[in-house]
Amino acid sequence: MNHASIRKEITERLVKNWNFNEQRLADLSLFHLVSILMLLAGPYGYIGQFAPTIYALRETLGEDQVFDKPSELRARQVSPTEPEVADQPKLVTVN
């Protein structure tokens, strides 16, 4: 399999058929942005660099920061994941 020819075909289709404006890029996850960047970066070996780059980002930023879309992260920050429970008195047993 010739990785260079496959990469060339993918990048040509991506550049020709996809509009790289802020609106299109705004809700992509960091994973998606790194994937596009590494694909378009050139002959530095997309396959060989991808796994260590994503691993380093996961270790540094956390899994949710790498794979979740910005809208998912914002939604998680706005709405609490656990409902608030009113303080209830605790029962204490005495022997």
PDB file of N, CA and C in Angstrom:
ATOM      1  N   MET A   1       0.838  -1.161   0.000  1.00  0.00           N
ATOM      2  CA  MET A   1       0.000   0.000   0.000  1.00  0.00           C
ATOM      3  C   MET A   1       0.901   1.248   0.000  1.00  0.00           C
ATOM      4  N   ASN A   2       0.593   2.169  -0.832  1.00  0.00           N
ATOM      5  CA  ASN A   2       1.377   3.387  -0.954  1.00  0.00           C
ATOM      6  C   ASN A   2       0.702   4.500  -0.144  1.00  0.00           C
ATOM      7  N   HIS A   3       1.231   4.755   1.072  1.00  0.00           N
ATOM      8  CA  HIS A   3       0.631   5.748   1.962  1.00  0.00           C
ATOM      9  C   HIS A   3       0.694   7.152   1.382  1.00  0.00           C
ATOM     10  N   ALA A   4       1.746   7.464   0.646  1.00  0.00           N
ATOM     11  CA  ALA A   4       1.893   8.807   0.075  1.00  0.00           C
ATOM     12  C   ALA A   4       0.784   9.111  -0.926  1.00  0.00           C
ATOM     13  N   SER A   5       0.454   8.147  -1.772  1.00  0.00           N
ATOM     14  CA  SER A   5      -0.590   8.392  -2.770  1.00  0.00           C
ATOM     15  C   SER A   5      -1.970   8.488  -2.101  1.00  0.00           C
ATOM     16  N   ILE A   6      -2.191   7.696  -1.064  1.00  0.00           N
ATOM     17  CA  ILE A   6      -3.466   7.764  -0.341  1.00  0.00           C
ATOM     18  C   ILE A   6      -3.599   9.116   0.352  1.00  0.00           C
ATOM     19  N   ARG A   7      -2.519   9.545   1.025  1.00  0.00           N
ATOM     20  CA  ARG A   7      -2.523  10.830   1.711  1.00  0.00           C
ATOM     21  C   ARG A   7      -2.749  11.978   0.727  1.00  0.00           C
ATOM     22  N   LYS A   8      -2.107  11.896  -0.435  1.00  0.00           N
ATOM     23  CA  LYS A   8      -2.259  12.932  -1.451  1.00  0.00           C
ATOM     24  C   LYS A   8      -3.698  13.024  -1.927  1.00  0.00           C
ATOM     25  N   GLU A   9      -4.315  11.890  -2.176  1.00  0.00           N
ATOM     26  CA  GLU A   9      -5.708  11.868  -2.639  1.00  0.00           C
ATOM     27  C   GLU A   9      -6.648  12.441  -1.575  1.00  0.00           C
ATOM     28  N   ILE A  10      -6.449  12.074  -0.325  1.00  0.00           N
ATOM     29  CA  ILE A  10      -7.297  12.579   0.754  1.00  0.00           C
ATOM     30  C   ILE A  10      -7.142  14.083   0.900  1.00  0.00           C
ATOM     31  N   THR A  11      -5.906  14.574   0.904  1.00  0.00           N
ATOM     32  CA  THR A  11      -5.690  16.015   1.071  1.00  0.00           C
ATOM     33  C   THR A  11      -6.240  16.807  -0.112  1.00  0.00           C
ATOM     34  N   GLU A  12      -6.094  16.287  -1.326  1.00  0.00           N
ATOM     35  CA  GLU A  12      -6.643  16.989  -2.485  1.00  0.00           C
ATOM     36  C   GLU A  12      -8.160  17.099  -2.391  1.00  0.00           C
ATOM     37  N   ARG A  13      -8.818  16.022  -2.001  1.00  0.00           N
ATOM     38  CA  ARG A  13     -10.274  16.062  -1.858  1.00  0.00           C
ATOM     39  C   ARG A  13     -10.699  16.992  -0.726  1.00  0.00           C
ATOM     40  N   LEU A  14      -9.966  16.952   0.376  1.00  0.00           N
ATOM     41  CA  LEU A  14     -10.296  17.792   1.524  1.00  0.00           C
ATOM     42  C   LEU A  14     -10.142  19.267   1.184  1.00  0.00           C
ATOM     43  N   VAL A  15      -9.049  19.633   0.565  1.00  0.00           N
ATOM     44  CA  VAL A  15      -8.795  21.034   0.223  1.00  0.00           C
ATOM     45  C   VAL A  15      -9.789  21.520  -0.840  1.00  0.00           C
ATOM     46  N   LYS A  16     -10.122  20.669  -1.786  1.00  0.00           N
ATOM     47  CA  LYS A  16     -11.014  21.061  -2.872  1.00  0.00           C
ATOM     48  C   LYS A  16     -12.476  21.155  -2.420  1.00  0.00           C
ATOM     49  N   ASN A  17     -12.890  20.262  -1.526  1.00  0.00           N
ATOM     50  CA  ASN A  17     -14.308  20.153  -1.196  1.00  0.00           C
ATOM     51  C   ASN A  17     -14.693  20.678   0.180  1.00  0.00           C
ATOM     52  N   TRP A  18     -13.745  21.181   0.945  1.00  0.00           N
ATOM     53  CA  TRP A  18     -14.066  21.608   2.305  1.00  0.00           C
ATOM     54  C   TRP A  18     -13.614  23.030   2.525  1.00  0.00           C
ATOM     55  N   ASN A  19     -14.447  23.837   3.116  1.00  0.00           N
ATOM     56  CA  ASN A  19     -14.153  25.242   3.354  1.00  0.00           C
ATOM     57  C   ASN A  19     -13.570  25.408   4.759  1.00  0.00           C
ATOM     58  N   PHE A  20     -12.333  25.871   4.853  1.00  0.00           N
ATOM     59  CA  PHE A  20     -11.655  26.029   6.137  1.00  0.00           C
ATOM     60  C   PHE A  20     -11.924  27.416   6.720  1.00  0.00           C
ATOM     61  N   ASN A  21     -13.159  27.697   7.062  1.00  0.00           N
ATOM     62  CA  ASN A  21     -13.457  28.981   7.695  1.00  0.00           C
ATOM     63  C   ASN A  21     -13.740  28.760   9.182  1.00  0.00           C
ATOM     64  N   GLU A  22     -13.808  29.852   9.918  1.00  0.00           N
ATOM     65  CA  GLU A  22     -13.968  29.764  11.371  1.00  0.00           C
ATOM     66  C   GLU A  22     -15.258  29.046  11.759  1.00  0.00           C
ATOM     67  N   GLN A  23     -16.302  29.281  11.006  1.00  0.00           N
ATOM     68  CA  GLN A  23     -17.580  28.654  11.310  1.00  0.00           C
ATOM     69  C   GLN A  23     -17.491  27.124  11.194  1.00  0.00           C
ATOM     70  N   ARG A  24     -16.805  26.629  10.184  1.00  0.00           N
ATOM     71  CA  ARG A  24     -16.674  25.184   9.997  1.00  0.00           C
ATOM     72  C   ARG A  24     -15.749  24.553  11.031  1.00  0.00           C
ATOM     73  N   LEU A  25     -14.738  25.302  11.475  1.00  0.00           N
ATOM     74  CA  LEU A  25     -13.761  24.769  12.418  1.00  0.00           C
ATOM     75  C   LEU A  25     -14.175  24.950  13.880  1.00  0.00           C
ATOM     76  N   ALA A  26     -15.153  25.808  14.142  1.00  0.00           N
ATOM     77  CA  ALA A  26     -15.491  26.189  15.508  1.00  0.00           C
ATOM     78  C   ALA A  26     -15.914  25.021  16.389  1.00  0.00           C
ATOM     79  N   ASP A  27     -16.616  24.062  15.870  1.00  0.00           N
ATOM     80  CA  ASP A  27     -17.126  22.995  16.719  1.00  0.00           C
ATOM     81  C   ASP A  27     -16.449  21.649  16.464  1.00  0.00           C
ATOM     82  N   LEU A  28     -15.224  21.685  15.982  1.00  0.00           N
ATOM     83  CA  LEU A  28     -14.462  20.450  15.852  1.00  0.00           C
ATOM     84  C   LEU A  28     -13.692  20.201  17.141  1.00  0.00           C
ATOM     85  N   SER A  29     -13.556  18.951  17.497  1.00  0.00           N
ATOM     86  CA  SER A  29     -12.769  18.628  18.683  1.00  0.00           C
ATOM     87  C   SER A  29     -11.295  18.830  18.384  1.00  0.00           C
ATOM     88  N   LEU A  30     -10.500  18.894  19.423  1.00  0.00           N
ATOM     89  CA  LEU A  30      -9.060  19.012  19.266  1.00  0.00           C
ATOM     90  C   LEU A  30      -8.519  17.830  18.463  1.00  0.00           C
ATOM     91  N   PHE A  31      -9.076  16.660  18.675  1.00  0.00           N
ATOM     92  CA  PHE A  31      -8.709  15.459  17.929  1.00  0.00           C
ATOM     93  C   PHE A  31      -8.908  15.680  16.431  1.00  0.00           C
ATOM     94  N   HIS A  32     -10.055  16.256  16.052  1.00  0.00           N
ATOM     95  CA  HIS A  32     -10.331  16.511  14.639  1.00  0.00           C
ATOM     96  C   HIS A  32      -9.368  17.545  14.063  1.00  0.00           C
ATOM     97  N   LEU A  33      -9.109  18.598  14.819  1.00  0.00           N
ATOM     98  CA  LEU A  33      -8.205  19.642  14.338  1.00  0.00           C
ATOM     99  C   LEU A  33      -6.791  19.118  14.150  1.00  0.00           C
ATOM    100  N   VAL A  34      -6.314  18.316  15.102  1.00  0.00           N
ATOM    101  CA  VAL A  34      -4.976  17.736  14.972  1.00  0.00           C
ATOM    102  C   VAL A  34      -4.935  16.773  13.787  1.00  0.00           C
ATOM    103  N   SER A  35      -5.994  16.019  13.591  1.00  0.00           N
ATOM    104  CA  SER A  35      -6.047  15.094  12.457  1.00  0.00           C
ATOM    105  C   SER A  35      -5.923  15.838  11.135  1.00  0.00           C
ATOM    106  N   ILE A  36      -6.679  16.927  10.996  1.00  0.00           N
ATOM    107  CA  ILE A  36      -6.613  17.720   9.761  1.00  0.00           C
ATOM    108  C   ILE A  36      -5.239  18.345   9.606  1.00  0.00           C
ATOM    109  N   LEU A  37      -4.716  18.921  10.672  1.00  0.00           N
ATOM    110  CA  LEU A  37      -3.409  19.564  10.622  1.00  0.00           C
ATOM    111  C   LEU A  37      -2.315  18.583  10.216  1.00  0.00           C
ATOM    112  N   MET A  38      -2.307  17.413  10.822  1.00  0.00           N
ATOM    113  CA  MET A  38      -1.259  16.434  10.513  1.00  0.00           C
ATOM    114  C   MET A  38      -1.418  15.869   9.108  1.00  0.00           C
ATOM    115  N   LEU A  39      -2.646  15.772   8.648  1.00  0.00           N
ATOM    116  CA  LEU A  39      -2.876  15.296   7.290  1.00  0.00           C
ATOM    117  C   LEU A  39      -2.342  16.298   6.273  1.00  0.00           C
ATOM    118  N   LEU A  40      -2.528  17.590   6.557  1.00  0.00           N
ATOM    119  CA  LEU A  40      -2.105  18.629   5.623  1.00  0.00           C
ATOM    120  C   LEU A  40      -0.665  19.084   5.847  1.00  0.00           C
ATOM    121  N   ALA A  41      -0.001  18.607   6.890  1.00  0.00           N
ATOM    122  CA  ALA A  41       1.326  19.099   7.272  1.00  0.00           C
ATOM    123  C   ALA A  41       2.401  18.782   6.250  1.00  0.00           C
ATOM    124  N   GLY A  42       2.257  17.736   5.525  1.00  0.00           N
ATOM    125  CA  GLY A  42       3.287  17.430   4.539  1.00  0.00           C
ATOM    126  C   GLY A  42       3.882  16.046   4.719  1.00  0.00           C
ATOM    127  N   PRO A  43       5.065  15.845   4.187  1.00  0.00           N
ATOM    128  CA  PRO A  43       5.655  14.498   4.122  1.00  0.00           C
ATOM    129  C   PRO A  43       6.354  14.055   5.414  1.00  0.00           C
ATOM    130  N   TYR A  44       5.839  14.469   6.552  1.00  0.00           N
ATOM    131  CA  TYR A  44       6.479  14.098   7.806  1.00  0.00           C
ATOM    132  C   TYR A  44       5.940  12.810   8.398  1.00  0.00           C
ATOM    133  N   GLY A  45       5.036  12.153   7.719  1.00  0.00           N
ATOM    134  CA  GLY A  45       4.554  10.859   8.167  1.00  0.00           C
ATOM    135  C   GLY A  45       3.335  10.949   9.050  1.00  0.00           C
ATOM    136  N   TYR A  46       2.190  11.145   8.454  1.00  0.00           N
ATOM    137  CA  TYR A  46       0.928  11.245   9.185  1.00  0.00           C
ATOM    138  C   TYR A  46       0.721  10.045  10.094  1.00  0.00           C
ATOM    139  N   ILE A  47       0.904   8.852   9.581  1.00  0.00           N
ATOM    140  CA  ILE A  47       0.644   7.642  10.362  1.00  0.00           C
ATOM    141  C   ILE A  47       1.618   7.536  11.534  1.00  0.00           C
ATOM    142  N   GLY A  48       2.875   7.823  11.316  1.00  0.00           N
ATOM    143  CA  GLY A  48       3.869   7.665  12.369  1.00  0.00           C
ATOM    144  C   GLY A  48       3.781   8.697  13.473  1.00  0.00           C
ATOM    145  N   GLN A  49       3.301   9.891  13.190  1.00  0.00           N
ATOM    146  CA  GLN A  49       3.251  10.951  14.195  1.00  0.00           C
ATOM    147  C   GLN A  49       1.915  11.056  14.900  1.00  0.00           C
ATOM    148  N   PHE A  50       0.884  10.537  14.325  1.00  0.00           N
ATOM    149  CA  PHE A  50      -0.458  10.750  14.843  1.00  0.00           C
ATOM    150  C   PHE A  50      -0.636  10.172  16.244  1.00  0.00           C
ATOM    151  N   ALA A  51      -0.303   8.907  16.434  1.00  0.00           N
ATOM    152  CA  ALA A  51      -0.527   8.254  17.728  1.00  0.00           C
ATOM    153  C   ALA A  51       0.244   8.926  18.863  1.00  0.00           C
ATOM    154  N   PRO A  52       1.532   9.219  18.719  1.00  0.00           N
ATOM    155  CA  PRO A  52       2.231   9.897  19.822  1.00  0.00           C
ATOM    156  C   PRO A  52       1.687  11.297  20.105  1.00  0.00           C
ATOM    157  N   THR A  53       1.259  11.997  19.077  1.00  0.00           N
ATOM    158  CA  THR A  53       0.710  13.341  19.280  1.00  0.00           C
ATOM    159  C   THR A  53      -0.585  13.279  20.072  1.00  0.00           C
ATOM    160  N   ILE A  54      -1.498  12.412  19.681  1.00  0.00           N
ATOM    161  CA  ILE A  54      -2.771  12.288  20.384  1.00  0.00           C
ATOM    162  C   ILE A  54      -2.530  11.785  21.805  1.00  0.00           C
ATOM    163  N   TYR A  55      -1.610  10.844  21.986  1.00  0.00           N
ATOM    164  CA  TYR A  55      -1.302  10.343  23.325  1.00  0.00           C
ATOM    165  C   TYR A  55      -0.788  11.479  24.218  1.00  0.00           C
ATOM    166  N   ALA A  56       0.111  12.291  23.694  1.00  0.00           N
ATOM    167  CA  ALA A  56       0.661  13.402  24.470  1.00  0.00           C
ATOM    168  C   ALA A  56      -0.427  14.417  24.825  1.00  0.00           C
ATOM    169  N   LEU A  57      -1.312  14.714  23.893  1.00  0.00           N
ATOM    170  CA  LEU A  57      -2.408  15.637  24.180  1.00  0.00           C
ATOM    171  C   LEU A  57      -3.354  15.066  25.229  1.00  0.00           C
ATOM    172  N   ARG A  58      -3.645  13.776  25.153  1.00  0.00           N
ATOM    173  CA  ARG A  58      -4.513  13.144  26.153  1.00  0.00           C
ATOM    174  C   ARG A  58      -3.886  13.199  27.534  1.00  0.00           C
ATOM    175  N   GLU A  59      -2.594  12.942  27.614  1.00  0.00           N
ATOM    176  CA  GLU A  59      -1.896  12.979  28.899  1.00  0.00           C
ATOM    177  C   GLU A  59      -1.828  14.400  29.457  1.00  0.00           C
ATOM    178  N   THR A  60      -1.655  15.372  28.599  1.00  0.00           N
ATOM    179  CA  THR A  60      -1.499  16.758  29.035  1.00  0.00           C
ATOM    180  C   THR A  60      -2.827  17.419  29.355  1.00  0.00           C
ATOM    181  N   LEU A  61      -3.789  17.297  28.462  1.00  0.00           N
ATOM    182  CA  LEU A  61      -5.044  18.033  28.593  1.00  0.00           C
ATOM    183  C   LEU A  61      -6.179  17.230  29.214  1.00  0.00           C
ATOM    184  N   GLY A  62      -6.106  15.921  29.116  1.00  0.00           N
ATOM    185  CA  GLY A  62      -7.206  15.073  29.584  1.00  0.00           C
ATOM    186  C   GLY A  62      -8.023  14.566  28.415  1.00  0.00           C
ATOM    187  N   GLU A  63      -8.590  13.404  28.608  1.00  0.00           N
ATOM    188  CA  GLU A  63      -9.345  12.735  27.540  1.00  0.00           C
ATOM    189  C   GLU A  63     -10.498  13.588  27.006  1.00  0.00           C
ATOM    190  N   ASP A  64     -11.271  14.203  27.906  1.00  0.00           N
ATOM    191  CA  ASP A  64     -12.428  14.966  27.449  1.00  0.00           C
ATOM    192  C   ASP A  64     -12.028  16.210  26.668  1.00  0.00           C
ATOM    193  N   GLN A  65     -10.896  16.804  26.968  1.00  0.00           N
ATOM    194  CA  GLN A  65     -10.454  17.990  26.247  1.00  0.00           C
ATOM    195  C   GLN A  65     -10.004  17.653  24.829  1.00  0.00           C
ATOM    196  N   VAL A  66      -9.582  16.436  24.592  1.00  0.00           N
ATOM    197  CA  VAL A  66      -9.084  16.050  23.277  1.00  0.00           C
ATOM    198  C   VAL A  66     -10.216  15.575  22.367  1.00  0.00           C
ATOM    199  N   PHE A  67     -11.114  14.758  22.891  1.00  0.00           N
ATOM    200  CA  PHE A  67     -12.098  14.110  22.035  1.00  0.00           C
ATOM    201  C   PHE A  67     -13.462  14.790  22.007  1.00  0.00           C
ATOM    202  N   ASP A  68     -13.825  15.541  23.044  1.00  0.00           N
ATOM    203  CA  ASP A  68     -15.130  16.187  23.048  1.00  0.00           C
ATOM    204  C   ASP A  68     -15.099  17.474  22.231  1.00  0.00           C
ATOM    205  N   LYS A  69     -16.202  17.764  21.584  1.00  0.00           N
ATOM    206  CA  LYS A  69     -16.324  18.995  20.809  1.00  0.00           C
ATOM    207  C   LYS A  69     -16.482  20.165  21.775  1.00  0.00           C
ATOM    208  N   PRO A  70     -16.097  21.373  21.359  1.00  0.00           N
ATOM    209  CA  PRO A  70     -16.252  22.536  22.241  1.00  0.00           C
ATOM    210  C   PRO A  70     -17.675  22.721  22.748  1.00  0.00           C
ATOM    211  N   SER A  71     -18.680  22.460  21.923  1.00  0.00           N
ATOM    212  CA  SER A  71     -20.066  22.616  22.376  1.00  0.00           C
ATOM    213  C   SER A  71     -20.392  21.613  23.484  1.00  0.00           C
ATOM    214  N   GLU A  72     -19.826  20.412  23.413  1.00  0.00           N
ATOM    215  CA  GLU A  72     -20.051  19.418  24.465  1.00  0.00           C
ATOM    216  C   GLU A  72     -19.382  19.843  25.765  1.00  0.00           C
ATOM    217  N   LEU A  73     -18.191  20.428  25.663  1.00  0.00           N
ATOM    218  CA  LEU A  73     -17.494  20.913  26.855  1.00  0.00           C
ATOM    219  C   LEU A  73     -18.241  22.078  27.488  1.00  0.00           C
ATOM    220  N   ARG A  74     -18.743  23.005  26.650  1.00  0.00           N
ATOM    221  CA  ARG A  74     -19.511  24.141  27.179  1.00  0.00           C
ATOM    222  C   ARG A  74     -20.786  23.659  27.852  1.00  0.00           C
ATOM    223  N   ALA A  75     -21.467  22.701  27.247  1.00  0.00           N
ATOM    224  CA  ALA A  75     -22.705  22.177  27.824  1.00  0.00           C
ATOM    225  C   ALA A  75     -22.441  21.534  29.177  1.00  0.00           C
ATOM    226  N   ARG A  76     -21.336  20.849  29.301  1.00  0.00           N
ATOM    227  CA  ARG A  76     -20.993  20.205  30.560  1.00  0.00           C
ATOM    228  C   ARG A  76     -20.685  21.237  31.641  1.00  0.00           C
ATOM    229  N   GLN A  77     -20.102  22.372  31.257  1.00  0.00           N
ATOM    230  CA  GLN A  77     -19.778  23.419  32.224  1.00  0.00           C
ATOM    231  C   GLN A  77     -21.028  24.176  32.666  1.00  0.00           C
ATOM    232  N   VAL A  78     -21.990  24.334  31.774  1.00  0.00           N
ATOM    233  CA  VAL A  78     -23.192  25.100  32.081  1.00  0.00           C
ATOM    234  C   VAL A  78     -24.142  24.300  32.952  1.00  0.00           C
ATOM    235  N   SER A  79     -24.381  23.048  32.610  1.00  0.00           N
ATOM    236  CA  SER A  79     -25.318  22.238  33.379  1.00  0.00           C
ATOM    237  C   SER A  79     -24.555  21.242  34.243  1.00  0.00           C
ATOM    238  N   PRO A  80     -24.827  21.229  35.544  1.00  0.00           N
ATOM    239  CA  PRO A  80     -24.135  20.284  36.416  1.00  0.00           C
ATOM    240  C   PRO A  80     -24.523  18.852  36.081  1.00  0.00           C
ATOM    241  N   THR A  81     -23.589  17.946  36.223  1.00  0.00           N
ATOM    242  CA  THR A  81     -23.857  16.544  35.893  1.00  0.00           C
ATOM    243  C   THR A  81     -24.677  15.864  36.978  1.00  0.00           C
ATOM    244  N   GLU A  82     -24.552  16.332  38.207  1.00  0.00           N
ATOM    245  CA  GLU A  82     -25.315  15.731  39.302  1.00  0.00           C
ATOM    246  C   GLU A  82     -26.285  16.766  39.853  1.00  0.00           C
ATOM    247  N   PRO A  83     -27.543  16.372  40.073  1.00  0.00           N
ATOM    248  CA  PRO A  83     -28.489  17.330  40.635  1.00  0.00           C
ATOM    249  C   PRO A  83     -28.114  17.659  42.082  1.00  0.00           C
ATOM    250  N   GLU A  84     -28.384  18.894  42.461  1.00  0.00           N
ATOM    251  CA  GLU A  84     -28.067  19.296  43.817  1.00  0.00           C
ATOM    252  C   GLU A  84     -29.082  18.687  44.774  1.00  0.00           C
ATOM    253  N   VAL A  85     -28.588  18.158  45.877  1.00  0.00           N
ATOM    254  CA  VAL A  85     -29.451  17.545  46.877  1.00  0.00           C
ATOM    255  C   VAL A  85     -29.404  18.419  48.119  1.00  0.00           C
ATOM    256  N   ALA A  86     -30.579  18.734  48.634  1.00  0.00           N
ATOM    257  CA  ALA A  86     -30.635  19.564  49.835  1.00  0.00           C
ATOM    258  C   ALA A  86     -30.000  18.815  50.999  1.00  0.00           C
ATOM    259  N   ASP A  87     -29.353  19.563  51.892  1.00  0.00           N
ATOM    260  CA  ASP A  87     -28.730  18.935  53.060  1.00  0.00           C
ATOM    261  C   ASP A  87     -29.791  18.278  53.926  1.00  0.00           C
ATOM    262  N   GLN A  88     -29.582  17.017  54.199  1.00  0.00           N
ATOM    263  CA  GLN A  88     -30.499  16.276  55.047  1.00  0.00           C
ATOM    264  C   GLN A  88     -29.776  15.912  56.333  1.00  0.00           C
ATOM    265  N   PRO A  89     -30.495  15.918  57.440  1.00  0.00           N
ATOM    266  CA  PRO A  89     -29.837  15.532  58.688  1.00  0.00           C
ATOM    267  C   PRO A  89     -29.385  14.088  58.646  1.00  0.00           C
ATOM    268  N   LYS A  90     -28.242  13.825  59.215  1.00  0.00           N
ATOM    269  CA  LYS A  90     -27.718  12.462  59.240  1.00  0.00           C
ATOM    270  C   LYS A  90     -28.174  11.774  60.513  1.00  0.00           C
ATOM    271  N   LEU A  91     -28.547  10.528  60.381  1.00  0.00           N
ATOM    272  CA  LEU A  91     -28.960   9.745  61.527  1.00  0.00           C
ATOM    273  C   LEU A  91     -27.728   9.177  62.219  1.00  0.00           C
ATOM    274  N   VAL A  92     -27.686   9.351  63.518  1.00  0.00           N
ATOM    275  CA  VAL A  92     -26.580   8.830  64.308  1.00  0.00           C
ATOM    276  C   VAL A  92     -27.141   7.830  65.272  1.00  0.00           C
ATOM    277  N   THR A  93     -26.569   6.650  65.280  1.00  0.00           N
ATOM    278  CA  THR A  93     -27.005   5.620  66.232  1.00  0.00           C
ATOM    279  C   THR A  93     -26.047   5.575  67.395  1.00  0.00           C
ATOM    280  N   VAL A  94     -26.593   5.444  68.584  1.00  0.00           N
ATOM    281  CA  VAL A  94     -25.802   5.382  69.796  1.00  0.00           C
ATOM    282  C   VAL A  94     -25.992   4.009  70.416  1.00  0.00           C
ATOM    283  N   ASN A  95     -24.929   3.344  70.741  1.00  0.00           N
ATOM    284  CA  ASN A  95     -25.034   2.014  71.365  1.00  0.00           C
ATOM    285  C   ASN A  95     -24.982   2.120  72.860  1.00  0.00           C
TER     286      ASN A  95
END
